[in-house]
Amino acid sequence: MLLAGHLAKVQGLKGEFLFHAVMDEPERLEGMKGLMLAPPHQDLEHAEGKPPARAVVLRGFRWHQDRPCLSFADVPDRTAAESFKGWSLWMPESEAKLSEGETFRHQWIGCEVYIADCRVGEVLRLDPGPAGYDMVVMRDLRPGRSGQRDIPYIKAWWTLDLPNRRLDLDPPEGLLDVNRVGN
């Protein structure tokens, strides 16, 4: 499942929610099958939708002052909606559109990282970076090393082979040693 966004607050008396989307084109939610609502602490990215998560069907979608506004078939009014304020809306990965060359962050997790055909690490996660670049958080597997290294995802440095769970890195000299103390 992919996080589509969060139910920000109840809007009006008909059980509608202002929606904080984290997806492009939230209007694509209309008619989408397989939507799930989950409380904010329940992550459905790698888990099934077990209670209290629940399947939902979108009843309505509209724009309200440049913000998406959603309603669900089994949430008839404001009273019923109040208990879902702050919950997350998840969508099936199969419903996502990716442009050529785009990937999902979770596809990187566990991939081995190589420099000049030598395995140097394993991807733990991708984090948004302060300069607009994603940061590849890598477990350092070089001999005599430990810990994590944050490496910016600069396209020119990386060659991706996700089907084979391999990432080749051609970093500037010394990049992986920037935070090393001593010899």
N, C-alpha and C. Protein backbone atom coordinates (compact mmCIF):
# COMPACT_ATOMS: atom_id res chain seq x y z
N MET A 1 0.84 -1.17 0.00
CA MET A 1 0.00 0.00 0.00
C MET A 1 0.89 1.24 0.00
N LEU A 2 0.35 2.30 -0.58
CA LEU A 2 1.04 3.59 -0.62
C LEU A 2 0.22 4.63 0.12
N LEU A 3 0.88 5.47 0.85
CA LEU A 3 0.19 6.54 1.57
C LEU A 3 -0.28 7.58 0.57
N ALA A 4 -1.59 7.85 0.56
CA ALA A 4 -2.17 8.87 -0.34
C ALA A 4 -2.24 10.21 0.38
N GLY A 5 -2.48 10.19 1.71
CA GLY A 5 -2.57 11.43 2.46
C GLY A 5 -3.25 11.22 3.79
N HIS A 6 -3.63 12.35 4.43
CA HIS A 6 -4.22 12.31 5.77
C HIS A 6 -5.52 13.10 5.79
N LEU A 7 -6.48 12.63 6.58
CA LEU A 7 -7.74 13.33 6.77
C LEU A 7 -7.48 14.46 7.75
N ALA A 8 -7.41 15.68 7.24
CA ALA A 8 -6.98 16.82 8.06
C ALA A 8 -8.02 17.24 9.07
N LYS A 9 -9.24 17.51 8.62
CA LYS A 9 -10.30 17.91 9.55
C LYS A 9 -11.64 17.67 8.89
N VAL A 10 -12.67 17.58 9.70
CA VAL A 10 -14.02 17.37 9.18
C VAL A 10 -14.51 18.70 8.61
N GLN A 11 -15.13 18.63 7.44
CA GLN A 11 -15.62 19.81 6.72
C GLN A 11 -17.13 19.71 6.57
N GLY A 12 -17.87 20.58 7.21
CA GLY A 12 -19.32 20.60 7.04
C GLY A 12 -20.03 19.51 7.82
N LEU A 13 -21.30 19.29 7.48
CA LEU A 13 -22.16 18.36 8.23
C LEU A 13 -22.36 17.01 7.54
N LYS A 14 -21.84 16.85 6.32
CA LYS A 14 -22.10 15.64 5.52
C LYS A 14 -21.00 14.59 5.61
N GLY A 15 -20.14 14.70 6.61
CA GLY A 15 -19.09 13.69 6.79
C GLY A 15 -17.93 13.83 5.82
N GLU A 16 -17.67 15.03 5.35
CA GLU A 16 -16.55 15.26 4.44
C GLU A 16 -15.30 15.63 5.25
N PHE A 17 -14.16 15.38 4.63
CA PHE A 17 -12.87 15.70 5.25
C PHE A 17 -12.06 16.58 4.32
N LEU A 18 -11.42 17.60 4.85
CA LEU A 18 -10.35 18.24 4.11
C LEU A 18 -9.20 17.25 4.11
N PHE A 19 -8.56 17.11 2.97
CA PHE A 19 -7.58 16.05 2.77
C PHE A 19 -6.21 16.67 2.51
N HIS A 20 -5.22 16.25 3.31
CA HIS A 20 -3.83 16.65 3.08
C HIS A 20 -3.18 15.56 2.24
N ALA A 21 -3.11 15.79 0.93
CA ALA A 21 -2.58 14.78 0.00
C ALA A 21 -1.06 14.77 0.00
N VAL A 22 -0.48 13.58 -0.04
CA VAL A 22 0.95 13.44 -0.26
C VAL A 22 1.21 12.83 -1.64
N MET A 23 0.15 12.67 -2.40
CA MET A 23 0.24 12.12 -3.76
C MET A 23 0.01 13.25 -4.76
N ASP A 24 0.52 13.06 -5.96
CA ASP A 24 0.18 13.97 -7.05
C ASP A 24 -1.22 13.59 -7.51
N GLU A 25 -1.96 14.53 -7.98
CA GLU A 25 -3.28 14.29 -8.57
C GLU A 25 -4.23 13.53 -7.64
N PRO A 26 -4.59 14.11 -6.49
CA PRO A 26 -5.52 13.41 -5.59
C PRO A 26 -6.89 13.13 -6.21
N GLU A 27 -7.25 13.84 -7.27
CA GLU A 27 -8.52 13.57 -7.93
C GLU A 27 -8.56 12.15 -8.53
N ARG A 28 -7.41 11.51 -8.68
CA ARG A 28 -7.36 10.13 -9.17
C ARG A 28 -7.98 9.15 -8.17
N LEU A 29 -8.21 9.59 -6.94
CA LEU A 29 -8.83 8.71 -5.94
C LEU A 29 -10.27 8.35 -6.33
N GLU A 30 -10.92 9.22 -7.11
CA GLU A 30 -12.30 8.94 -7.53
C GLU A 30 -12.34 7.63 -8.29
N GLY A 31 -13.19 6.72 -7.86
CA GLY A 31 -13.36 5.43 -8.52
C GLY A 31 -12.27 4.42 -8.23
N MET A 32 -11.29 4.77 -7.42
CA MET A 32 -10.19 3.86 -7.11
C MET A 32 -10.66 2.76 -6.17
N LYS A 33 -10.30 1.54 -6.48
CA LYS A 33 -10.63 0.37 -5.65
C LYS A 33 -9.49 0.10 -4.68
N GLY A 34 -9.82 -0.52 -3.54
CA GLY A 34 -8.81 -0.97 -2.60
C GLY A 34 -8.31 0.07 -1.62
N LEU A 35 -9.02 1.19 -1.45
CA LEU A 35 -8.60 2.21 -0.49
C LEU A 35 -8.76 1.71 0.94
N MET A 36 -7.84 2.13 1.81
CA MET A 36 -7.88 1.75 3.22
C MET A 36 -7.67 2.99 4.08
N LEU A 37 -8.41 3.07 5.19
CA LEU A 37 -8.18 4.09 6.21
C LEU A 37 -7.51 3.41 7.39
N ALA A 38 -6.54 4.10 7.96
CA ALA A 38 -5.83 3.55 9.13
C ALA A 38 -5.49 4.69 10.07
N PRO A 39 -5.47 4.42 11.39
CA PRO A 39 -5.05 5.47 12.32
C PRO A 39 -3.60 5.85 12.05
N PRO A 40 -3.20 7.05 12.47
CA PRO A 40 -1.86 7.55 12.12
C PRO A 40 -0.72 6.64 12.57
N HIS A 41 -0.89 5.88 13.64
CA HIS A 41 0.19 5.02 14.13
C HIS A 41 0.29 3.70 13.36
N GLN A 42 -0.67 3.40 12.50
CA GLN A 42 -0.69 2.12 11.78
C GLN A 42 -0.13 2.32 10.37
N ASP A 43 1.02 1.73 10.11
CA ASP A 43 1.69 1.86 8.82
C ASP A 43 1.29 0.67 7.94
N LEU A 44 0.64 0.94 6.82
CA LEU A 44 0.20 -0.12 5.93
C LEU A 44 1.15 -0.35 4.75
N GLU A 45 2.29 0.34 4.76
CA GLU A 45 3.22 0.20 3.63
C GLU A 45 3.71 -1.23 3.48
N HIS A 46 4.00 -1.89 4.58
CA HIS A 46 4.53 -3.25 4.52
C HIS A 46 3.66 -4.26 5.26
N ALA A 47 2.45 -3.84 5.63
CA ALA A 47 1.60 -4.73 6.43
C ALA A 47 0.19 -4.77 5.85
N GLU A 48 -0.52 -5.80 6.20
CA GLU A 48 -1.92 -5.91 5.79
C GLU A 48 -2.76 -4.93 6.60
N GLY A 49 -3.92 -4.64 6.08
CA GLY A 49 -4.83 -3.75 6.77
C GLY A 49 -5.63 -4.46 7.84
N LYS A 50 -5.01 -4.70 8.98
CA LYS A 50 -5.70 -5.35 10.10
C LYS A 50 -6.37 -4.28 10.95
N PRO A 51 -7.45 -4.64 11.66
CA PRO A 51 -8.13 -3.64 12.49
C PRO A 51 -7.14 -2.96 13.42
N PRO A 52 -7.30 -1.67 13.63
CA PRO A 52 -8.47 -0.86 13.31
C PRO A 52 -8.51 -0.32 11.89
N ALA A 53 -7.53 -0.63 11.03
CA ALA A 53 -7.61 -0.20 9.63
C ALA A 53 -8.87 -0.80 9.00
N ARG A 54 -9.40 -0.09 8.01
CA ARG A 54 -10.63 -0.57 7.38
C ARG A 54 -10.68 -0.15 5.92
N ALA A 55 -11.27 -1.02 5.11
CA ALA A 55 -11.48 -0.72 3.69
C ALA A 55 -12.57 0.34 3.58
N VAL A 56 -12.38 1.27 2.64
CA VAL A 56 -13.37 2.32 2.41
C VAL A 56 -13.62 2.50 0.92
N VAL A 57 -14.78 3.06 0.63
CA VAL A 57 -15.14 3.40 -0.75
C VAL A 57 -15.39 4.90 -0.77
N LEU A 58 -14.76 5.57 -1.70
CA LEU A 58 -14.93 7.01 -1.81
C LEU A 58 -16.35 7.31 -2.31
N ARG A 59 -17.06 8.13 -1.55
CA ARG A 59 -18.42 8.54 -1.92
C ARG A 59 -18.38 9.82 -2.74
N GLY A 60 -17.42 10.70 -2.42
CA GLY A 60 -17.33 11.96 -3.14
C GLY A 60 -15.96 12.58 -3.06
N PHE A 61 -15.65 13.35 -4.09
CA PHE A 61 -14.41 14.11 -4.15
C PHE A 61 -14.75 15.47 -4.74
N ARG A 62 -14.24 16.52 -4.12
CA ARG A 62 -14.39 17.87 -4.66
C ARG A 62 -13.24 18.72 -4.16
N TRP A 63 -13.10 19.88 -4.77
CA TRP A 63 -12.10 20.84 -4.32
C TRP A 63 -12.80 21.88 -3.48
N HIS A 64 -12.20 22.23 -2.35
CA HIS A 64 -12.73 23.27 -1.47
C HIS A 64 -11.59 24.24 -1.18
N GLN A 65 -11.69 25.45 -1.73
CA GLN A 65 -10.64 26.46 -1.55
C GLN A 65 -9.25 25.90 -1.85
N ASP A 66 -9.12 25.31 -3.02
CA ASP A 66 -7.86 24.74 -3.51
C ASP A 66 -7.33 23.56 -2.69
N ARG A 67 -8.20 22.93 -1.91
CA ARG A 67 -7.80 21.73 -1.16
C ARG A 67 -8.77 20.61 -1.49
N PRO A 68 -8.27 19.37 -1.59
CA PRO A 68 -9.17 18.26 -1.82
C PRO A 68 -10.09 18.04 -0.62
N CYS A 69 -11.30 17.64 -0.90
CA CYS A 69 -12.29 17.34 0.13
C CYS A 69 -12.90 15.99 -0.22
N LEU A 70 -12.86 15.03 0.72
CA LEU A 70 -13.29 13.65 0.47
C LEU A 70 -14.44 13.27 1.39
N SER A 71 -15.27 12.35 0.90
CA SER A 71 -16.26 11.70 1.77
C SER A 71 -16.28 10.22 1.42
N PHE A 72 -16.69 9.41 2.40
CA PHE A 72 -16.68 7.96 2.24
C PHE A 72 -18.08 7.39 2.42
N ALA A 73 -18.35 6.28 1.72
CA ALA A 73 -19.68 5.68 1.69
C ALA A 73 -20.21 5.33 3.08
N ASP A 74 -19.36 4.86 3.98
CA ASP A 74 -19.84 4.42 5.30
C ASP A 74 -19.64 5.46 6.39
N VAL A 75 -19.40 6.71 5.99
CA VAL A 75 -19.27 7.82 6.95
C VAL A 75 -20.31 8.87 6.55
N PRO A 76 -21.54 8.72 7.07
CA PRO A 76 -22.66 9.51 6.56
C PRO A 76 -22.74 10.96 7.02
N ASP A 77 -22.12 11.29 8.17
CA ASP A 77 -22.30 12.65 8.69
C ASP A 77 -21.10 13.06 9.54
N ARG A 78 -21.17 14.30 10.02
CA ARG A 78 -20.07 14.87 10.81
C ARG A 78 -19.79 14.05 12.07
N THR A 79 -20.83 13.59 12.74
CA THR A 79 -20.66 12.82 13.97
C THR A 79 -19.85 11.55 13.70
N ALA A 80 -20.19 10.83 12.63
CA ALA A 80 -19.45 9.61 12.28
C ALA A 80 -18.02 9.94 11.83
N ALA A 81 -17.85 11.10 11.20
CA ALA A 81 -16.55 11.47 10.65
C ALA A 81 -15.54 11.86 11.73
N GLU A 82 -16.00 12.45 12.81
CA GLU A 82 -15.09 12.96 13.85
C GLU A 82 -14.08 11.92 14.32
N SER A 83 -14.49 10.66 14.42
CA SER A 83 -13.58 9.63 14.95
C SER A 83 -12.45 9.28 13.97
N PHE A 84 -12.56 9.72 12.71
CA PHE A 84 -11.52 9.41 11.71
C PHE A 84 -10.60 10.58 11.42
N LYS A 85 -10.82 11.70 12.07
CA LYS A 85 -9.97 12.88 11.87
C LYS A 85 -8.51 12.51 12.20
N GLY A 86 -7.61 12.84 11.30
CA GLY A 86 -6.19 12.54 11.48
C GLY A 86 -5.76 11.19 10.94
N TRP A 87 -6.71 10.36 10.53
CA TRP A 87 -6.36 9.04 10.00
C TRP A 87 -5.69 9.18 8.64
N SER A 88 -5.00 8.13 8.23
CA SER A 88 -4.29 8.09 6.95
C SER A 88 -5.11 7.33 5.92
N LEU A 89 -5.04 7.79 4.69
CA LEU A 89 -5.69 7.10 3.57
C LEU A 89 -4.60 6.44 2.74
N TRP A 90 -4.75 5.13 2.53
CA TRP A 90 -3.78 4.33 1.79
C TRP A 90 -4.42 3.84 0.50
N MET A 91 -3.59 3.70 -0.53
CA MET A 91 -4.07 3.21 -1.82
C MET A 91 -3.18 2.05 -2.28
N PRO A 92 -3.74 1.16 -3.12
CA PRO A 92 -2.91 0.06 -3.63
C PRO A 92 -1.79 0.57 -4.52
N GLU A 93 -0.63 -0.02 -4.39
CA GLU A 93 0.52 0.36 -5.21
C GLU A 93 0.20 0.22 -6.70
N SER A 94 -0.62 -0.76 -7.04
CA SER A 94 -0.97 -1.01 -8.44
C SER A 94 -1.73 0.16 -9.07
N GLU A 95 -2.30 1.04 -8.25
CA GLU A 95 -3.05 2.19 -8.76
C GLU A 95 -2.17 3.42 -8.98
N ALA A 96 -0.92 3.35 -8.60
CA ALA A 96 -0.02 4.50 -8.74
C ALA A 96 0.52 4.58 -10.16
N LYS A 97 0.70 5.80 -10.63
CA LYS A 97 1.32 6.03 -11.94
C LYS A 97 2.75 6.50 -11.72
N LEU A 98 3.68 5.80 -12.34
CA LEU A 98 5.07 6.22 -12.30
C LEU A 98 5.52 6.55 -13.71
N SER A 99 6.22 7.64 -13.84
CA SER A 99 6.82 7.97 -15.13
C SER A 99 8.02 7.06 -15.35
N GLU A 100 8.44 6.95 -16.59
CA GLU A 100 9.59 6.11 -16.90
C GLU A 100 10.80 6.56 -16.09
N GLY A 101 11.47 5.61 -15.48
CA GLY A 101 12.65 5.90 -14.68
C GLY A 101 12.35 6.21 -13.21
N GLU A 102 11.08 6.37 -12.84
CA GLU A 102 10.72 6.62 -11.45
C GLU A 102 10.58 5.31 -10.70
N THR A 103 10.83 5.35 -9.39
CA THR A 103 10.72 4.17 -8.54
C THR A 103 10.03 4.56 -7.24
N PHE A 104 9.61 3.56 -6.50
CA PHE A 104 9.10 3.78 -5.16
C PHE A 104 10.26 3.67 -4.19
N ARG A 105 10.20 4.48 -3.13
CA ARG A 105 11.27 4.45 -2.12
C ARG A 105 11.45 3.04 -1.54
N HIS A 106 10.36 2.36 -1.26
CA HIS A 106 10.48 1.05 -0.61
C HIS A 106 11.17 0.02 -1.49
N GLN A 107 11.23 0.23 -2.80
CA GLN A 107 11.90 -0.71 -3.68
C GLN A 107 13.42 -0.71 -3.46
N TRP A 108 13.93 0.36 -2.88
CA TRP A 108 15.37 0.47 -2.64
C TRP A 108 15.80 -0.27 -1.37
N ILE A 109 14.91 -0.44 -0.43
CA ILE A 109 15.27 -1.01 0.87
C ILE A 109 15.80 -2.44 0.68
N GLY A 110 16.97 -2.68 1.25
CA GLY A 110 17.60 -3.99 1.16
C GLY A 110 18.50 -4.18 -0.05
N CYS A 111 18.50 -3.23 -0.99
CA CYS A 111 19.39 -3.36 -2.15
C CYS A 111 20.84 -3.23 -1.71
N GLU A 112 21.70 -3.98 -2.36
CA GLU A 112 23.13 -3.91 -2.07
C GLU A 112 23.74 -2.76 -2.87
N VAL A 113 24.69 -2.07 -2.24
CA VAL A 113 25.36 -0.94 -2.88
C VAL A 113 26.79 -1.36 -3.20
N TYR A 114 27.20 -1.08 -4.44
CA TYR A 114 28.53 -1.44 -4.92
C TYR A 114 29.27 -0.20 -5.41
N ILE A 115 30.57 -0.19 -5.16
CA ILE A 115 31.47 0.79 -5.77
C ILE A 115 32.54 -0.02 -6.48
N ALA A 116 32.67 0.16 -7.79
CA ALA A 116 33.66 -0.57 -8.60
C ALA A 116 33.59 -2.07 -8.34
N ASP A 117 32.38 -2.62 -8.37
CA ASP A 117 32.11 -4.05 -8.19
C ASP A 117 32.46 -4.60 -6.81
N CYS A 118 32.70 -3.73 -5.82
CA CYS A 118 32.92 -4.16 -4.44
C CYS A 118 31.71 -3.75 -3.62
N ARG A 119 31.15 -4.72 -2.91
CA ARG A 119 29.98 -4.42 -2.08
C ARG A 119 30.42 -3.56 -0.89
N VAL A 120 29.74 -2.41 -0.74
CA VAL A 120 30.11 -1.49 0.33
C VAL A 120 28.97 -1.26 1.32
N GLY A 121 27.75 -1.65 0.95
CA GLY A 121 26.66 -1.39 1.88
C GLY A 121 25.33 -1.95 1.43
N GLU A 122 24.33 -1.65 2.25
CA GLU A 122 22.96 -2.08 2.01
C GLU A 122 22.04 -0.90 2.34
N VAL A 123 21.06 -0.66 1.48
CA VAL A 123 20.15 0.46 1.68
C VAL A 123 19.18 0.14 2.81
N LEU A 124 19.12 1.05 3.79
CA LEU A 124 18.18 0.93 4.90
C LEU A 124 16.89 1.67 4.59
N ARG A 125 17.01 2.85 3.94
CA ARG A 125 15.83 3.65 3.60
C ARG A 125 16.26 4.85 2.76
N LEU A 126 15.28 5.54 2.21
CA LEU A 126 15.50 6.82 1.55
C LEU A 126 14.78 7.87 2.37
N ASP A 127 15.47 8.95 2.68
CA ASP A 127 14.88 10.06 3.44
C ASP A 127 14.91 11.31 2.58
N PRO A 128 13.90 12.16 2.71
CA PRO A 128 13.97 13.45 2.01
C PRO A 128 15.13 14.26 2.59
N GLY A 129 15.87 14.91 1.72
CA GLY A 129 17.01 15.70 2.17
C GLY A 129 16.72 17.19 2.17
N PRO A 130 17.51 17.96 2.88
CA PRO A 130 17.27 19.40 3.02
C PRO A 130 17.46 20.19 1.73
N ALA A 131 18.27 19.70 0.81
CA ALA A 131 18.56 20.45 -0.41
C ALA A 131 17.68 19.99 -1.58
N GLY A 132 16.65 19.20 -1.28
CA GLY A 132 15.78 18.71 -2.34
C GLY A 132 16.19 17.35 -2.87
N TYR A 133 17.35 16.87 -2.48
CA TYR A 133 17.80 15.54 -2.89
C TYR A 133 17.32 14.53 -1.85
N ASP A 134 16.95 13.33 -2.30
CA ASP A 134 16.71 12.26 -1.36
C ASP A 134 18.07 11.81 -0.83
N MET A 135 18.07 11.37 0.42
CA MET A 135 19.30 10.83 1.02
C MET A 135 19.15 9.31 1.09
N VAL A 136 20.09 8.60 0.52
CA VAL A 136 20.13 7.15 0.59
C VAL A 136 20.84 6.82 1.90
N VAL A 137 20.11 6.22 2.83
CA VAL A 137 20.69 5.84 4.12
C VAL A 137 21.17 4.40 3.97
N MET A 138 22.49 4.23 4.04
CA MET A 138 23.13 2.96 3.76
C MET A 138 23.81 2.41 5.01
N ARG A 139 23.64 1.12 5.26
CA ARG A 139 24.43 0.44 6.30
C ARG A 139 25.80 0.18 5.71
N ASP A 140 26.83 0.67 6.37
CA ASP A 140 28.21 0.54 5.88
C ASP A 140 28.69 -0.89 6.15
N LEU A 141 29.01 -1.62 5.09
CA LEU A 141 29.48 -3.01 5.21
C LEU A 141 30.95 -3.17 4.81
N ARG A 142 31.67 -2.06 4.68
CA ARG A 142 33.08 -2.16 4.33
C ARG A 142 33.85 -2.74 5.51
N PRO A 143 34.92 -3.50 5.25
CA PRO A 143 35.71 -4.07 6.33
C PRO A 143 36.18 -3.00 7.31
N GLY A 144 36.00 -3.27 8.60
CA GLY A 144 36.44 -2.35 9.64
C GLY A 144 35.52 -1.15 9.83
N ARG A 145 34.39 -1.12 9.16
CA ARG A 145 33.45 -0.01 9.26
C ARG A 145 32.14 -0.50 9.87
N SER A 146 31.40 0.43 10.39
CA SER A 146 30.06 0.11 10.89
C SER A 146 29.23 1.38 10.83
N GLY A 147 27.99 1.27 11.18
CA GLY A 147 27.13 2.44 11.20
C GLY A 147 26.46 2.70 9.87
N GLN A 148 25.96 3.92 9.75
CA GLN A 148 25.20 4.31 8.57
C GLN A 148 25.90 5.46 7.86
N ARG A 149 25.68 5.54 6.57
CA ARG A 149 26.17 6.65 5.77
C ARG A 149 24.97 7.23 5.02
N ASP A 150 24.84 8.55 5.03
CA ASP A 150 23.82 9.25 4.27
C ASP A 150 24.47 9.77 2.99
N ILE A 151 23.96 9.30 1.86
CA ILE A 151 24.53 9.65 0.57
C ILE A 151 23.44 10.31 -0.27
N PRO A 152 23.67 11.51 -0.77
CA PRO A 152 22.64 12.15 -1.59
C PRO A 152 22.37 11.34 -2.86
N TYR A 153 21.08 11.28 -3.23
CA TYR A 153 20.75 10.65 -4.50
C TYR A 153 20.92 11.72 -5.58
N ILE A 154 22.10 11.73 -6.17
CA ILE A 154 22.39 12.57 -7.32
C ILE A 154 22.51 11.59 -8.48
N LYS A 155 21.59 11.74 -9.41
CA LYS A 155 21.42 10.75 -10.48
C LYS A 155 22.73 10.34 -11.14
N ALA A 156 23.63 11.28 -11.36
CA ALA A 156 24.90 10.99 -12.03
C ALA A 156 25.78 10.03 -11.23
N TRP A 157 25.53 9.91 -9.93
CA TRP A 157 26.36 9.04 -9.09
C TRP A 157 25.83 7.61 -9.03
N TRP A 158 24.60 7.39 -9.40
CA TRP A 158 23.93 6.10 -9.16
C TRP A 158 23.51 5.42 -10.45
N THR A 159 23.67 4.09 -10.49
CA THR A 159 23.11 3.25 -11.54
C THR A 159 22.23 2.23 -10.83
N LEU A 160 20.95 2.19 -11.22
CA LEU A 160 19.98 1.35 -10.52
C LEU A 160 19.71 0.08 -11.30
N ASP A 161 19.71 -1.03 -10.60
CA ASP A 161 19.28 -2.31 -11.15
C ASP A 161 18.37 -2.95 -10.09
N LEU A 162 17.18 -2.36 -9.94
CA LEU A 162 16.27 -2.81 -8.87
C LEU A 162 15.81 -4.24 -9.02
N PRO A 163 15.56 -4.75 -10.25
CA PRO A 163 15.17 -6.17 -10.34
C PRO A 163 16.21 -7.11 -9.74
N ASN A 164 17.48 -6.74 -9.83
CA ASN A 164 18.55 -7.57 -9.26
C ASN A 164 19.01 -7.09 -7.89
N ARG A 165 18.26 -6.09 -7.32
CA ARG A 165 18.51 -5.57 -5.98
C ARG A 165 19.93 -5.03 -5.84
N ARG A 166 20.41 -4.35 -6.89
CA ARG A 166 21.78 -3.83 -6.92
C ARG A 166 21.78 -2.36 -7.32
N LEU A 167 22.58 -1.57 -6.59
CA LEU A 167 22.79 -0.16 -6.89
C LEU A 167 24.29 0.06 -7.00
N ASP A 168 24.72 0.62 -8.12
CA ASP A 168 26.13 0.94 -8.29
C ASP A 168 26.31 2.43 -8.04
N LEU A 169 27.29 2.76 -7.21
CA LEU A 169 27.56 4.12 -6.79
C LEU A 169 28.94 4.54 -7.30
N ASP A 170 28.99 5.73 -7.90
CA ASP A 170 30.25 6.32 -8.34
C ASP A 170 30.36 7.69 -7.67
N PRO A 171 30.70 7.70 -6.37
CA PRO A 171 30.71 8.96 -5.61
C PRO A 171 31.99 9.76 -5.83
N PRO A 172 31.95 11.05 -5.50
CA PRO A 172 33.20 11.81 -5.50
C PRO A 172 34.17 11.21 -4.47
N GLU A 173 35.44 11.34 -4.74
CA GLU A 173 36.45 10.78 -3.85
C GLU A 173 36.27 11.30 -2.43
N GLY A 174 36.28 10.37 -1.46
CA GLY A 174 36.21 10.72 -0.05
C GLY A 174 34.81 10.91 0.50
N LEU A 175 33.77 10.81 -0.34
CA LEU A 175 32.41 11.07 0.15
C LEU A 175 32.03 10.16 1.31
N LEU A 176 32.36 8.88 1.22
CA LEU A 176 31.97 7.95 2.29
C LEU A 176 32.84 8.09 3.53
N ASP A 177 33.89 8.87 3.45
CA ASP A 177 34.79 9.04 4.59
C ASP A 177 34.70 10.42 5.22
N VAL A 178 33.72 11.22 4.80
CA VAL A 178 33.60 12.59 5.30
C VAL A 178 33.49 12.64 6.81
N ASN A 179 32.74 11.72 7.40
CA ASN A 179 32.52 11.78 8.85
C ASN A 179 33.44 10.83 9.63
N ARG A 180 34.48 10.35 9.02
CA ARG A 180 35.41 9.45 9.71
C ARG A 180 36.44 10.26 10.47
N VAL A 181 36.66 9.89 11.73
CA VAL A 181 37.64 10.59 12.56
C VAL A 181 38.92 9.77 12.58
N GLY A 182 40.04 10.44 12.47
CA GLY A 182 41.33 9.73 12.54
C GLY A 182 41.71 9.13 11.21
N ASN A 183 42.63 8.16 11.25
CA ASN A 183 43.12 7.53 10.03
C ASN A 183 42.20 6.52 9.51
